[in-house]
PDB file of N, CA and C in Angstrom:
ATOM      1  N   UNK A   1      24.787  -9.501 -12.585  1.00  0.00           N
ATOM      2  CA  UNK A   1      23.661  -9.700 -13.726  1.00  0.00           C
ATOM      3  C   UNK A   1      22.929  -8.391 -14.029  1.00  0.00           C
ATOM      4  N   UNK A   2      22.990  -7.412 -13.073  1.00  0.00           N
ATOM      5  CA  UNK A   2      22.113  -6.282 -13.244  1.00  0.00           C
ATOM      6  C   UNK A   2      22.967  -5.302 -14.260  1.00  0.00           C
ATOM      7  N   UNK A   3      22.406  -5.034 -15.325  1.00  0.00           N
ATOM      8  CA  UNK A   3      23.012  -4.142 -16.301  1.00  0.00           C
ATOM      9  C   UNK A   3      23.359  -2.755 -15.876  1.00  0.00           C
ATOM     10  N   UNK A   4      22.520  -2.255 -14.815  1.00  0.00           N
ATOM     11  CA  UNK A   4      22.690  -1.016 -14.181  1.00  0.00           C
ATOM     12  C   UNK A   4      23.867  -0.939 -13.195  1.00  0.00           C
ATOM     13  N   UNK A   5      24.376  -2.102 -12.683  1.00  0.00           N
ATOM     14  CA  UNK A   5      25.370  -2.292 -11.656  1.00  0.00           C
ATOM     15  C   UNK A   5      26.570  -1.749 -12.004  1.00  0.00           C
ATOM     16  N   UNK A   6      27.268  -1.006 -11.071  1.00  0.00           N
ATOM     17  CA  UNK A   6      28.892  -0.553 -11.344  1.00  0.00           C
ATOM     18  C   UNK A   6      29.628  -1.270 -10.319  1.00  0.00           C
ATOM     19  N   UNK A   7      30.985  -1.293 -10.765  1.00  0.00           N
ATOM     20  CA  UNK A   7      32.092  -1.650  -9.796  1.00  0.00           C
ATOM     21  C   UNK A   7      32.939  -0.372  -9.796  1.00  0.00           C
ATOM     22  N   UNK A   8      32.989   0.333  -8.713  1.00  0.00           N
ATOM     23  CA  UNK A   8      33.854   1.509  -8.521  1.00  0.00           C
ATOM     24  C   UNK A   8      35.023   1.366  -7.888  1.00  0.00           C
ATOM     25  N   UNK A   9      36.310   1.354  -8.483  1.00  0.00           N
ATOM     26  CA  UNK A   9      37.606   1.263  -7.779  1.00  0.00           C
ATOM     27  C   UNK A   9      37.832   2.275  -6.797  1.00  0.00           C
ATOM     28  N   UNK A  10      37.133   3.387  -6.955  1.00  0.00           N
ATOM     29  CA  UNK A  10      37.232   4.436  -5.949  1.00  0.00           C
ATOM     30  C   UNK A  10      37.015   4.028  -4.556  1.00  0.00           C
ATOM     31  N   UNK A  11      36.236   3.022  -4.236  1.00  0.00           N
ATOM     32  CA  UNK A  11      35.884   2.510  -3.013  1.00  0.00           C
ATOM     33  C   UNK A  11      37.111   1.755  -2.327  1.00  0.00           C
ATOM     34  N   UNK A  12      38.044   1.530  -3.144  1.00  0.00           N
ATOM     35  CA  UNK A  12      39.258   0.961  -2.573  1.00  0.00           C
ATOM     36  C   UNK A  12      40.590   1.880  -2.713  1.00  0.00           C
ATOM     37  N   UNK A  13      40.334   3.122  -2.728  1.00  0.00           N
ATOM     38  CA  UNK A  13      41.369   3.947  -2.795  1.00  0.00           C
ATOM     39  C   UNK A  13      42.233   4.134  -4.201  1.00  0.00           C
ATOM     40  N   UNK A  14      41.517   3.718  -5.298  1.00  0.00           N
ATOM     41  CA  UNK A  14      42.072   3.641  -6.635  1.00  0.00           C
ATOM     42  C   UNK A  14      42.381   5.118  -7.014  1.00  0.00           C
ATOM     43  N   UNK A  15      41.581   6.118  -6.739  1.00  0.00           N
ATOM     44  CA  UNK A  15      41.734   7.409  -7.234  1.00  0.00           C
ATOM     45  C   UNK A  15      42.894   8.127  -6.565  1.00  0.00           C
ATOM     46  N   UNK A  16      43.142   7.987  -5.453  1.00  0.00           N
ATOM     47  CA  UNK A  16      44.149   8.590  -4.731  1.00  0.00           C
ATOM     48  C   UNK A  16      45.155   7.704  -4.202  1.00  0.00           C
ATOM     49  N   UNK A  17      45.307   6.510  -4.295  1.00  0.00           N
ATOM     50  CA  UNK A  17      46.038   5.550  -3.843  1.00  0.00           C
ATOM     51  C   UNK A  17      46.348   5.625  -2.361  1.00  0.00           C
ATOM     52  N   UNK A  18      45.214   5.627  -1.667  1.00  0.00           N
ATOM     53  CA  UNK A  18      45.247   5.939  -0.111  1.00  0.00           C
ATOM     54  C   UNK A  18      45.568   4.751   0.570  1.00  0.00           C
ATOM     55  N   UNK A  19      45.799   3.569   0.068  1.00  0.00           N
ATOM     56  CA  UNK A  19      46.211   2.436   0.676  1.00  0.00           C
ATOM     57  C   UNK A  19      44.982   1.571   1.486  1.00  0.00           C
ATOM     58  N   UNK A  20      43.805   1.989   1.000  1.00  0.00           N
ATOM     59  CA  UNK A  20      42.574   1.303   1.313  1.00  0.00           C
ATOM     60  C   UNK A  20      42.434  -0.095   0.664  1.00  0.00           C
ATOM     61  N   UNK A  21      42.161  -1.148   1.238  1.00  0.00           N
ATOM     62  CA  UNK A  21      42.112  -2.333   0.581  1.00  0.00           C
ATOM     63  C   UNK A  21      40.833  -2.961   0.842  1.00  0.00           C
ATOM     64  N   UNK A  22      40.250  -3.757  -0.162  1.00  0.00           N
ATOM     65  CA  UNK A  22      39.038  -4.604  -0.059  1.00  0.00           C
ATOM     66  C   UNK A  22      39.434  -6.018   0.174  1.00  0.00           C
ATOM     67  N   UNK A  23      38.590  -6.558   1.445  1.00  0.00           N
ATOM     68  CA  UNK A  23      39.034  -7.868   1.701  1.00  0.00           C
ATOM     69  C   UNK A  23      37.779  -8.560   1.493  1.00  0.00           C
ATOM     70  N   UNK A  24      37.967  -9.847   0.950  1.00  0.00           N
ATOM     71  CA  UNK A  24      36.796 -10.731   0.685  1.00  0.00           C
ATOM     72  C   UNK A  24      36.948 -12.017   1.499  1.00  0.00           C
ATOM     73  N   UNK A  25      35.809 -12.574   2.112  1.00  0.00           N
ATOM     74  CA  UNK A  25      35.834 -13.789   2.680  1.00  0.00           C
ATOM     75  C   UNK A  25      34.810 -14.564   2.103  1.00  0.00           C
ATOM     76  N   UNK A  26      34.752 -15.894   2.584  1.00  0.00           N
ATOM     77  CA  UNK A  26      33.726 -16.947   2.211  1.00  0.00           C
ATOM     78  C   UNK A  26      32.472 -16.901   3.122  1.00  0.00           C
ATOM     79  N   UNK A  27      32.515 -15.972   4.044  1.00  0.00           N
ATOM     80  CA  UNK A  27      31.416 -15.919   5.153  1.00  0.00           C
ATOM     81  C   UNK A  27      30.153 -15.288   4.351  1.00  0.00           C
ATOM     82  N   UNK A  28      29.046 -15.935   4.860  1.00  0.00           N
ATOM     83  CA  UNK A  28      27.829 -15.563   4.169  1.00  0.00           C
ATOM     84  C   UNK A  28      27.000 -14.492   5.355  1.00  0.00           C
ATOM     85  N   UNK A  29      25.906 -13.932   4.828  1.00  0.00           N
ATOM     86  CA  UNK A  29      25.198 -13.075   5.672  1.00  0.00           C
ATOM     87  C   UNK A  29      24.713 -13.874   6.996  1.00  0.00           C
ATOM     88  N   UNK A  30      24.250 -15.105   6.751  1.00  0.00           N
ATOM     89  CA  UNK A  30      23.785 -16.009   7.820  1.00  0.00           C
ATOM     90  C   UNK A  30      25.030 -16.225   8.861  1.00  0.00           C
ATOM     91  N   UNK A  31      26.180 -16.437   8.250  1.00  0.00           N
ATOM     92  CA  UNK A  31      27.314 -16.509   9.161  1.00  0.00           C
ATOM     93  C   UNK A  31      27.538 -15.308  10.206  1.00  0.00           C
ATOM     94  N   UNK A  32      27.536 -14.235   9.456  1.00  0.00           N
ATOM     95  CA  UNK A  32      27.977 -12.899  10.087  1.00  0.00           C
ATOM     96  C   UNK A  32      26.751 -12.345  10.981  1.00  0.00           C
ATOM     97  N   UNK A  33      25.596 -12.398  10.543  1.00  0.00           N
ATOM     98  CA  UNK A  33      24.487 -11.692  11.188  1.00  0.00           C
ATOM     99  C   UNK A  33      24.378 -11.884  12.798  1.00  0.00           C
ATOM    100  N   UNK A  34      24.604 -13.087  13.266  1.00  0.00           N
ATOM    101  CA  UNK A  34      24.405 -13.165  14.634  1.00  0.00           C
ATOM    102  C   UNK A  34      25.605 -12.525  15.467  1.00  0.00           C
ATOM    103  N   UNK A  35      26.760 -12.261  14.785  1.00  0.00           N
ATOM    104  CA  UNK A  35      27.983 -11.679  15.483  1.00  0.00           C
ATOM    105  C   UNK A  35      28.403 -10.338  14.971  1.00  0.00           C
ATOM    106  N   UNK A  36      27.603  -9.863  14.192  1.00  0.00           N
ATOM    107  CA  UNK A  36      28.092  -8.541  13.434  1.00  0.00           C
ATOM    108  C   UNK A  36      28.487  -7.486  14.294  1.00  0.00           C
ATOM    109  N   UNK A  37      27.779  -7.152  15.442  1.00  0.00           N
ATOM    110  CA  UNK A  37      28.378  -6.152  16.362  1.00  0.00           C
ATOM    111  C   UNK A  37      29.575  -6.416  16.998  1.00  0.00           C
ATOM    112  N   UNK A  38      29.831  -7.758  17.376  1.00  0.00           N
ATOM    113  CA  UNK A  38      31.077  -8.185  17.978  1.00  0.00           C
ATOM    114  C   UNK A  38      32.313  -8.118  17.079  1.00  0.00           C
ATOM    115  N   UNK A  39      31.852  -8.689  15.676  1.00  0.00           N
ATOM    116  CA  UNK A  39      32.780  -8.433  14.709  1.00  0.00           C
ATOM    117  C   UNK A  39      33.340  -7.145  14.370  1.00  0.00           C
ATOM    118  N   UNK A  40      32.304  -6.133  14.175  1.00  0.00           N
ATOM    119  CA  UNK A  40      32.635  -4.766  13.816  1.00  0.00           C
ATOM    120  C   UNK A  40      33.581  -4.219  15.029  1.00  0.00           C
ATOM    121  N   UNK A  41      33.296  -4.539  16.342  1.00  0.00           N
ATOM    122  CA  UNK A  41      34.028  -3.939  17.450  1.00  0.00           C
ATOM    123  C   UNK A  41      35.502  -4.549  17.203  1.00  0.00           C
ATOM    124  N   UNK A  42      35.535  -5.805  17.170  1.00  0.00           N
ATOM    125  CA  UNK A  42      36.947  -6.462  17.008  1.00  0.00           C
ATOM    126  C   UNK A  42      37.678  -5.890  15.845  1.00  0.00           C
ATOM    127  N   UNK A  43      37.104  -5.670  14.692  1.00  0.00           N
ATOM    128  CA  UNK A  43      37.838  -5.005  13.741  1.00  0.00           C
ATOM    129  C   UNK A  43      38.392  -3.622  14.076  1.00  0.00           C
ATOM    130  N   UNK A  44      37.424  -2.856  14.624  1.00  0.00           N
ATOM    131  CA  UNK A  44      37.823  -1.533  15.051  1.00  0.00           C
ATOM    132  C   UNK A  44      38.980  -1.510  16.155  1.00  0.00           C
ATOM    133  N   UNK A  45      38.887  -2.607  16.969  1.00  0.00           N
ATOM    134  CA  UNK A  45      39.923  -2.644  18.079  1.00  0.00           C
ATOM    135  C   UNK A  45      41.339  -3.011  17.541  1.00  0.00           C
ATOM    136  N   UNK A  46      41.248  -3.872  16.355  1.00  0.00           N
ATOM    137  CA  UNK A  46      42.641  -4.421  16.061  1.00  0.00           C
ATOM    138  C   UNK A  46      43.148  -3.731  14.668  1.00  0.00           C
ATOM    139  N   UNK A  47      42.338  -2.812  14.032  1.00  0.00           N
ATOM    140  CA  UNK A  47      42.884  -2.121  12.863  1.00  0.00           C
ATOM    141  C   UNK A  47      42.992  -0.707  13.256  1.00  0.00           C
ATOM    142  N   UNK A  48      44.308  -0.095  13.113  1.00  0.00           N
ATOM    143  CA  UNK A  48      44.647   1.112  13.450  1.00  0.00           C
ATOM    144  C   UNK A  48      43.878   2.199  12.490  1.00  0.00           C
ATOM    145  N   UNK A  49      43.307   3.186  13.133  1.00  0.00           N
ATOM    146  CA  UNK A  49      42.505   4.186  12.299  1.00  0.00           C
ATOM    147  C   UNK A  49      42.862   5.712  12.704  1.00  0.00           C
ATOM    148  N   UNK A  50      43.264   6.520  11.850  1.00  0.00           N
ATOM    149  CA  UNK A  50      43.600   7.974  12.259  1.00  0.00           C
ATOM    150  C   UNK A  50      45.018   7.985  12.587  1.00  0.00           C
ATOM    151  N   UNK A  51      45.530   9.304  12.363  1.00  0.00           N
ATOM    152  CA  UNK A  51      46.947   9.626  12.647  1.00  0.00           C
ATOM    153  C   UNK A  51      47.330   9.386  14.121  1.00  0.00           C
ATOM    154  N   UNK A  52      48.359   8.590  14.097  1.00  0.00           N
ATOM    155  CA  UNK A  52      48.960   8.353  15.351  1.00  0.00           C
ATOM    156  C   UNK A  52      48.442   7.080  16.245  1.00  0.00           C
ATOM    157  N   UNK A  53      47.651   6.465  15.482  1.00  0.00           N
ATOM    158  CA  UNK A  53      47.025   5.204  16.160  1.00  0.00           C
ATOM    159  C   UNK A  53      47.916   4.066  15.948  1.00  0.00           C
ATOM    160  N   UNK A  54      47.946   3.025  16.820  1.00  0.00           N
ATOM    161  CA  UNK A  54      48.662   1.984  16.699  1.00  0.00           C
ATOM    162  C   UNK A  54      47.940   0.651  16.610  1.00  0.00           C
ATOM    163  N   UNK A  55      48.471  -0.358  15.997  1.00  0.00           N
ATOM    164  CA  UNK A  55      47.887  -1.659  15.775  1.00  0.00           C
ATOM    165  C   UNK A  55      48.349  -2.612  17.038  1.00  0.00           C
ATOM    166  N   UNK A  56      47.905  -3.784  16.897  1.00  0.00           N
ATOM    167  CA  UNK A  56      48.223  -4.737  17.972  1.00  0.00           C
ATOM    168  C   UNK A  56      49.469  -5.522  17.754  1.00  0.00           C
ATOM    169  N   UNK A  57      50.185  -5.264  16.400  1.00  0.00           N
ATOM    170  CA  UNK A  57      51.313  -6.000  16.053  1.00  0.00           C
ATOM    171  C   UNK A  57      52.435  -5.051  16.235  1.00  0.00           C
ATOM    172  N   UNK A  58      53.367  -5.417  17.223  1.00  0.00           N
ATOM    173  CA  UNK A  58      54.520  -4.549  17.654  1.00  0.00           C
ATOM    174  C   UNK A  58      55.395  -4.512  16.271  1.00  0.00           C
ATOM    175  N   UNK A  59      55.790  -3.293  16.015  1.00  0.00           N
ATOM    176  CA  UNK A  59      56.389  -3.043  14.680  1.00  0.00           C
ATOM    177  C   UNK A  59      57.729  -2.000  15.066  1.00  0.00           C
ATOM    178  N   UNK A  60      58.918  -2.550  14.939  1.00  0.00           N
ATOM    179  CA  UNK A  60      60.063  -1.643  15.168  1.00  0.00           C
ATOM    180  C   UNK A  60      60.396  -0.861  13.927  1.00  0.00           C
ATOM    181  N   UNK A  61      61.250   0.039  13.981  1.00  0.00           N
ATOM    182  CA  UNK A  61      61.820   0.808  12.784  1.00  0.00           C
ATOM    183  C   UNK A  61      62.485  -0.077  11.811  1.00  0.00           C
ATOM    184  N   UNK A  62      63.143  -1.156  12.284  1.00  0.00           N
ATOM    185  CA  UNK A  62      63.749  -2.113  11.571  1.00  0.00           C
ATOM    186  C   UNK A  62      62.776  -3.032  10.656  1.00  0.00           C
ATOM    187  N   UNK A  63      61.592  -3.345  11.392  1.00  0.00           N
ATOM    188  CA  UNK A  63      60.532  -3.958  10.805  1.00  0.00           C
ATOM    189  C   UNK A  63      59.967  -3.207   9.546  1.00  0.00           C
ATOM    190  N   UNK A  64      59.777  -2.037   9.859  1.00  0.00           N
ATOM    191  CA  UNK A  64      59.227  -1.051   8.763  1.00  0.00           C
ATOM    192  C   UNK A  64      60.225  -0.851   7.661  1.00  0.00           C
ATOM    193  N   UNK A  65      61.350  -0.718   7.963  1.00  0.00           N
ATOM    194  CA  UNK A  65      62.475  -0.641   6.837  1.00  0.00           C
ATOM    195  C   UNK A  65      62.388  -1.846   5.993  1.00  0.00           C
ATOM    196  N   UNK A  66      62.484  -3.066   6.560  1.00  0.00           N
ATOM    197  CA  UNK A  66      62.519  -4.305   6.009  1.00  0.00           C
ATOM    198  C   UNK A  66      61.190  -4.397   5.036  1.00  0.00           C
ATOM    199  N   UNK A  67      59.974  -4.100   5.562  1.00  0.00           N
ATOM    200  CA  UNK A  67      58.719  -4.133   4.862  1.00  0.00           C
ATOM    201  C   UNK A  67      58.710  -3.111   3.545  1.00  0.00           C
ATOM    202  N   UNK A  68      59.496  -1.887   3.940  1.00  0.00           N
ATOM    203  CA  UNK A  68      59.543  -1.047   2.849  1.00  0.00           C
ATOM    204  C   UNK A  68      60.312  -1.729   1.762  1.00  0.00           C
ATOM    205  N   UNK A  69      61.450  -2.257   2.108  1.00  0.00           N
ATOM    206  CA  UNK A  69      62.402  -2.747   1.145  1.00  0.00           C
ATOM    207  C   UNK A  69      61.912  -4.060   0.410  1.00  0.00           C
ATOM    208  N   UNK A  70      61.241  -4.997   1.129  1.00  0.00           N
ATOM    209  CA  UNK A  70      60.834  -6.225   0.685  1.00  0.00           C
ATOM    210  C   UNK A  70      59.322  -6.313   0.172  1.00  0.00           C
ATOM    211  N   UNK A  71      58.499  -5.221   0.622  1.00  0.00           N
ATOM    212  CA  UNK A  71      57.344  -5.221   0.121  1.00  0.00           C
ATOM    213  C   UNK A  71      56.416  -6.536   0.613  1.00  0.00           C
ATOM    214  N   UNK A  72      55.635  -7.130  -0.310  1.00  0.00           N
ATOM    215  CA  UNK A  72      54.771  -8.333  -0.048  1.00  0.00           C
ATOM    216  C   UNK A  72      55.581  -9.514   0.591  1.00  0.00           C
ATOM    217  N   UNK A  73      56.958  -9.470   0.077  1.00  0.00           N
ATOM    218  CA  UNK A  73      57.766 -10.590   0.546  1.00  0.00           C
ATOM    219  C   UNK A  73      57.920 -10.512   2.127  1.00  0.00           C
ATOM    220  N   UNK A  74      57.966  -9.389   2.679  1.00  0.00           N
ATOM    221  CA  UNK A  74      58.092  -9.280   4.003  1.00  0.00           C
ATOM    222  C   UNK A  74      56.917  -9.619   4.690  1.00  0.00           C
ATOM    223  N   UNK A  75      55.720  -9.361   4.215  1.00  0.00           N
ATOM    224  CA  UNK A  75      54.404  -9.952   4.774  1.00  0.00           C
ATOM    225  C   UNK A  75      54.196 -11.378   4.620  1.00  0.00           C
ATOM    226  N   UNK A  76      54.805 -11.936   3.540  1.00  0.00           N
ATOM    227  CA  UNK A  76      54.786 -13.396   3.506  1.00  0.00           C
ATOM    228  C   UNK A  76      55.656 -14.082   4.453  1.00  0.00           C
ATOM    229  N   UNK A  77      56.772 -13.437   4.651  1.00  0.00           N
ATOM    230  CA  UNK A  77      57.850 -14.005   5.622  1.00  0.00           C
ATOM    231  C   UNK A  77      57.382 -14.020   7.047  1.00  0.00           C
ATOM    232  N   UNK A  78      56.529 -12.955   7.450  1.00  0.00           N
ATOM    233  CA  UNK A  78      56.034 -12.594   8.752  1.00  0.00           C
ATOM    234  C   UNK A  78      54.717 -13.335   8.966  1.00  0.00           C
ATOM    235  N   UNK A  79      54.097 -14.035   7.929  1.00  0.00           N
ATOM    236  CA  UNK A  79      52.784 -14.757   7.953  1.00  0.00           C
ATOM    237  C   UNK A  79      51.726 -13.872   7.920  1.00  0.00           C
ATOM    238  N   UNK A  80      51.820 -12.658   7.297  1.00  0.00           N
ATOM    239  CA  UNK A  80      50.561 -11.748   7.195  1.00  0.00           C
ATOM    240  C   UNK A  80      49.934 -11.853   5.897  1.00  0.00           C
ATOM    241  N   UNK A  81      50.482 -12.770   4.929  1.00  0.00           N
ATOM    242  CA  UNK A  81      49.882 -12.960   3.670  1.00  0.00           C
ATOM    243  C   UNK A  81      50.104 -14.413   3.049  1.00  0.00           C
ATOM    244  N   UNK A  82      49.336 -14.612   2.147  1.00  0.00           N
ATOM    245  CA  UNK A  82      49.450 -15.843   1.482  1.00  0.00           C
ATOM    246  C   UNK A  82      50.295 -15.764   0.081  1.00  0.00           C
ATOM    247  N   UNK A  83      50.890 -16.529  -0.560  1.00  0.00           N
ATOM    248  CA  UNK A  83      51.693 -16.453  -1.693  1.00  0.00           C
ATOM    249  C   UNK A  83      50.689 -15.901  -2.937  1.00  0.00           C
ATOM    250  N   UNK A  84      49.511 -16.474  -2.806  1.00  0.00           N
ATOM    251  CA  UNK A  84      48.545 -16.042  -4.031  1.00  0.00           C
ATOM    252  C   UNK A  84      48.209 -14.589  -3.779  1.00  0.00           C
ATOM    253  N   UNK A  85      48.543 -14.023  -2.733  1.00  0.00           N
ATOM    254  CA  UNK A  85      48.048 -12.505  -2.670  1.00  0.00           C
ATOM    255  C   UNK A  85      48.843 -11.786  -3.528  1.00  0.00           C
ATOM    256  N   UNK A  86      50.129 -12.153  -3.645  1.00  0.00           N
ATOM    257  CA  UNK A  86      50.915 -11.459  -4.757  1.00  0.00           C
ATOM    258  C   UNK A  86      50.440 -11.205  -6.069  1.00  0.00           C
ATOM    259  N   UNK A  87      49.556 -12.099  -6.544  1.00  0.00           N
ATOM    260  CA  UNK A  87      48.892 -12.116  -7.828  1.00  0.00           C
ATOM    261  C   UNK A  87      47.991 -10.937  -7.940  1.00  0.00           C
ATOM    262  N   UNK A  88      47.533 -10.433  -6.872  1.00  0.00           N
ATOM    263  CA  UNK A  88      46.398  -9.474  -6.855  1.00  0.00           C
ATOM    264  C   UNK A  88      46.931  -8.214  -6.356  1.00  0.00           C
ATOM    265  N   UNK A  89      48.289  -7.933  -6.422  1.00  0.00           N
ATOM    266  CA  UNK A  89      48.981  -6.643  -6.020  1.00  0.00           C
ATOM    267  C   UNK A  89      49.699  -6.013  -7.175  1.00  0.00           C
ATOM    268  N   UNK A  90      49.783  -4.754  -7.410  1.00  0.00           N
ATOM    269  CA  UNK A  90      50.554  -4.034  -8.344  1.00  0.00           C
ATOM    270  C   UNK A  90      52.044  -4.469  -8.148  1.00  0.00           C
ATOM    271  N   UNK A  91      52.557  -4.882  -9.407  1.00  0.00           N
ATOM    272  CA  UNK A  91      54.020  -5.327  -9.497  1.00  0.00           C
ATOM    273  C   UNK A  91      54.242  -6.552  -8.475  1.00  0.00           C
ATOM    274  N   UNK A  92      53.191  -7.328  -8.204  1.00  0.00           N
ATOM    275  CA  UNK A  92      53.368  -8.425  -7.323  1.00  0.00           C
ATOM    276  C   UNK A  92      53.776  -7.932  -5.918  1.00  0.00           C
ATOM    277  N   UNK A  93      53.494  -6.861  -5.592  1.00  0.00           N
ATOM    278  CA  UNK A  93      53.671  -6.532  -4.189  1.00  0.00           C
ATOM    279  C   UNK A  93      55.063  -5.905  -3.917  1.00  0.00           C
ATOM    280  N   UNK A  94      55.832  -5.688  -4.935  1.00  0.00           N
ATOM    281  CA  UNK A  94      57.124  -5.167  -4.621  1.00  0.00           C
ATOM    282  C   UNK A  94      57.771  -4.161  -5.737  1.00  0.00           C
ATOM    283  N   UNK A  95      57.937  -3.061  -5.545  1.00  0.00           N
ATOM    284  CA  UNK A  95      58.336  -2.214  -6.623  1.00  0.00           C
ATOM    285  C   UNK A  95      59.997  -2.125  -6.286  1.00  0.00           C
ATOM    286  N   UNK A  96      60.727  -2.712  -7.396  1.00  0.00           N
ATOM    287  CA  UNK A  96      62.022  -2.940  -7.096  1.00  0.00           C
ATOM    288  C   UNK A  96      62.830  -1.538  -6.780  1.00  0.00           C
ATOM    289  N   UNK A  97      62.330  -0.387  -7.362  1.00  0.00           N
ATOM    290  CA  UNK A  97      63.103   0.852  -7.067  1.00  0.00           C
ATOM    291  C   UNK A  97      62.512   1.559  -5.858  1.00  0.00           C
ATOM    292  N   UNK A  98      61.737   0.975  -5.072  1.00  0.00           N
ATOM    293  CA  UNK A  98      61.252   1.471  -3.801  1.00  0.00           C
ATOM    294  C   UNK A  98      62.197   1.017  -2.685  1.00  0.00           C
ATOM    295  N   UNK A  99      62.327   1.821  -1.595  1.00  0.00           N
ATOM    296  CA  UNK A  99      63.145   1.570  -0.549  1.00  0.00           C
ATOM    297  C   UNK A  99      63.016   2.503   0.573  1.00  0.00           C
ATOM    298  N   UNK A 100      63.489   2.119   1.833  1.00  0.00           N
ATOM    299  CA  UNK A 100      63.174   2.951   3.055  1.00  0.00           C
ATOM    300  C   UNK A 100      63.788   4.421   2.913  1.00  0.00           C
ATOM    301  N   UNK A 101      64.813   4.421   2.023  1.00  0.00           N
ATOM    302  CA  UNK A 101      65.501   5.712   2.115  1.00  0.00           C
ATOM    303  C   UNK A 101      64.707   6.796   1.344  1.00  0.00           C
ATOM    304  N   UNK A 102      63.673   6.367   0.626  1.00  0.00           N
ATOM    305  CA  UNK A 102      62.932   7.257  -0.122  1.00  0.00           C
ATOM    306  C   UNK A 102      61.627   7.723   0.753  1.00  0.00           C
ATOM    307  N   UNK A 103      61.467   7.270   2.009  1.00  0.00           N
ATOM    308  CA  UNK A 103      60.439   7.603   2.906  1.00  0.00           C
ATOM    309  C   UNK A 103      60.974   8.448   3.908  1.00  0.00           C
ATOM    310  N   UNK A 104      60.578   9.737   4.207  1.00  0.00           N
ATOM    311  CA  UNK A 104      60.888  10.551   5.208  1.00  0.00           C
ATOM    312  C   UNK A 104      60.749  10.084   6.555  1.00  0.00           C
ATOM    313  N   UNK A 105      61.561  10.442   7.533  1.00  0.00           N
ATOM    314  CA  UNK A 105      61.367  10.080   8.864  1.00  0.00           C
ATOM    315  C   UNK A 105      59.953  10.598   9.470  1.00  0.00           C
ATOM    316  N   UNK A 106      59.553  11.705   8.995  1.00  0.00           N
ATOM    317  CA  UNK A 106      58.200  12.094   9.463  1.00  0.00           C
ATOM    318  C   UNK A 106      57.178  11.092   9.110  1.00  0.00           C
ATOM    319  N   UNK A 107      57.280  10.594   7.712  1.00  0.00           N
ATOM    320  CA  UNK A 107      56.234   9.831   7.282  1.00  0.00           C
ATOM    321  C   UNK A 107      56.368   8.435   7.849  1.00  0.00           C
ATOM    322  N   UNK A 108      57.442   8.032   8.272  1.00  0.00           N
ATOM    323  CA  UNK A 108      57.683   6.700   9.189  1.00  0.00           C
ATOM    324  C   UNK A 108      57.014   6.725  10.360  1.00  0.00           C
TER     325      UNK A 108
END
């Protein structure tokens, strides 16, 4: 309701398409306040950050190739997304011309 307020897509990587995503929950400040330090630590522990870091989900080269080929459908199949998530992704989470052969070994 604030006429001076702005929404900047730059906060979610719009300008350089760096893969940053904004996640919304139904949690309130009252829900999070008592556990915010533990929550921040758990997020840091489970979300890879920086070059060469790894997450807690074991992923093989075949998994990566399947994800590159299938896009959001891979995430749905593996239980990492909900069907309605596709509605909020460019091209519904899958670019038909995309594929693993278009990604260099170094980038993988």
